[in-house]
Amino acid sequence: MALKDLAEYIVKSLVDHPDKVELVEREEDDTVLIELKISPDDIGKIIGKSGNTINAIRTVLQTAASSHKKRAKLEMIDQGELPLEENIDE
C-alpha cells in the first residue's frame, strides 16, 4: 500500500466530510511528502487534542515508510494556500 493510500484511508475514516479530502504525494530522495487538504470543519478532528491525532497519523506513516528505507512527512495545507508545486511556479 502506498503511503498516500494509507494516509487517505486513515484521514477519511476520521472526518465527517471524506469527499473533501485531497492528498498530494511527492517523493524527493529518501523523503515522501504528503500534503493534506480537508474541509475546515474537520481540521479539529485531524489535529486532535494537543495535536495527538495528527502526530499519531505521522507516526504510522513514518513507520510504514521506514520499511522502505524512506522518511515520511505529512503537512496540512490551509484551504487558502496553494499546493507547494503551484507556489514554486510563481
Protein backbone atom coordinates (compact mmCIF):
# COMPACT_ATOMS: atom_id res chain seq x y z
CA MET A 1 0.00 0.00 0.00
CA ALA A 2 1.39 3.41 -0.97
CA LEU A 3 1.81 5.97 1.79
CA LYS A 4 -0.72 8.26 0.13
CA ASP A 5 -3.30 5.47 0.14
CA LEU A 6 -2.60 4.71 3.79
CA ALA A 7 -2.92 8.39 4.77
CA GLU A 8 -6.11 8.73 2.74
CA TYR A 9 -7.65 5.67 4.41
CA ILE A 10 -6.83 6.93 7.90
CA VAL A 11 -7.96 10.52 7.32
CA LYS A 12 -11.19 9.60 5.54
CA SER A 13 -12.03 7.28 8.44
CA LEU A 14 -11.80 10.17 10.90
CA VAL A 15 -13.53 13.08 9.15
CA ASP A 16 -17.19 13.99 8.61
CA HIS A 17 -16.57 15.09 5.00
CA PRO A 18 -14.45 12.35 3.37
CA ASP A 19 -15.38 13.62 -0.09
CA LYS A 20 -13.41 16.82 0.62
CA VAL A 21 -10.16 15.05 1.49
CA GLU A 22 -7.38 15.77 -1.02
CA LEU A 23 -3.87 14.37 -0.84
CA VAL A 24 -0.82 15.01 -2.99
CA GLU A 25 2.26 12.80 -2.67
CA ARG A 26 5.72 13.97 -3.70
CA GLU A 27 8.91 11.99 -3.41
CA GLU A 28 12.34 13.59 -3.12
CA ASP A 29 15.41 11.45 -2.48
CA ASP A 30 14.59 9.45 0.64
CA THR A 31 11.60 11.55 1.78
CA VAL A 32 7.94 11.20 0.85
CA LEU A 33 5.94 14.40 1.40
CA ILE A 34 2.18 14.08 1.66
CA GLU A 35 0.17 17.28 1.54
CA LEU A 36 -3.29 17.03 3.07
CA LYS A 37 -6.22 19.34 2.40
CA ILE A 38 -9.51 18.80 4.24
CA SER A 39 -12.74 20.60 4.99
CA PRO A 40 -12.30 23.39 7.56
CA ASP A 41 -14.99 21.65 9.63
CA ASP A 42 -12.73 18.59 10.02
CA ILE A 43 -9.47 20.29 10.97
CA GLY A 44 -10.04 19.78 14.70
CA LYS A 45 -10.73 16.08 14.20
CA ILE A 46 -7.45 15.56 12.35
CA ILE A 47 -5.30 17.69 14.65
CA GLY A 48 -6.87 16.32 17.82
CA LYS A 49 -6.30 17.43 21.37
CA SER A 50 -2.79 18.91 21.65
CA GLY A 51 -2.02 17.57 18.16
CA ASN A 52 -2.22 13.96 19.30
CA THR A 53 -4.23 12.69 16.32
CA ILE A 54 -2.07 14.20 13.58
CA ASN A 55 1.07 13.11 15.41
CA ALA A 56 -0.28 9.55 15.57
CA ILE A 57 -1.01 9.62 11.82
CA ARG A 58 2.53 10.90 11.18
CA THR A 59 3.96 8.09 13.34
CA VAL A 60 2.04 5.44 11.40
CA LEU A 61 3.19 6.92 8.07
CA GLN A 62 6.80 7.17 9.27
CA THR A 63 6.74 3.56 10.43
CA ALA A 64 5.35 2.40 7.07
CA ALA A 65 7.93 4.48 5.19
CA SER A 66 10.83 3.17 7.25
CA SER A 67 10.18 -0.35 5.99
CA HIS A 68 11.16 1.01 2.55
CA LYS A 69 14.12 2.97 3.95
CA LYS A 70 12.28 6.27 3.41
CA ARG A 71 11.09 9.12 5.60
CA ALA A 72 7.53 10.42 5.58
CA LYS A 73 6.26 13.94 6.18
CA LEU A 74 2.59 14.88 6.44
CA GLU A 75 1.67 18.54 6.05
CA MET A 76 -1.78 20.06 6.30
CA ILE A 77 -2.45 22.68 3.64
CA ASP A 78 -4.75 25.55 4.60
CA GLN A 79 -7.74 25.93 2.26
CA GLY A 80 -6.45 29.38 1.28
CA GLU A 81 -2.95 28.13 0.47
CA LEU A 82 -1.82 26.87 -2.89
CA PRO A 83 -0.14 23.48 -3.03
CA LEU A 84 3.65 23.73 -2.88
CA GLU A 85 4.11 22.96 -6.58
CA GLU A 86 1.92 25.95 -7.51
CA ASN A 87 3.79 28.24 -5.10
CA ILE A 88 7.10 27.36 -6.76
CA ASP A 89 5.92 28.34 -10.24
CA GLU A 90 5.18 31.94 -9.25
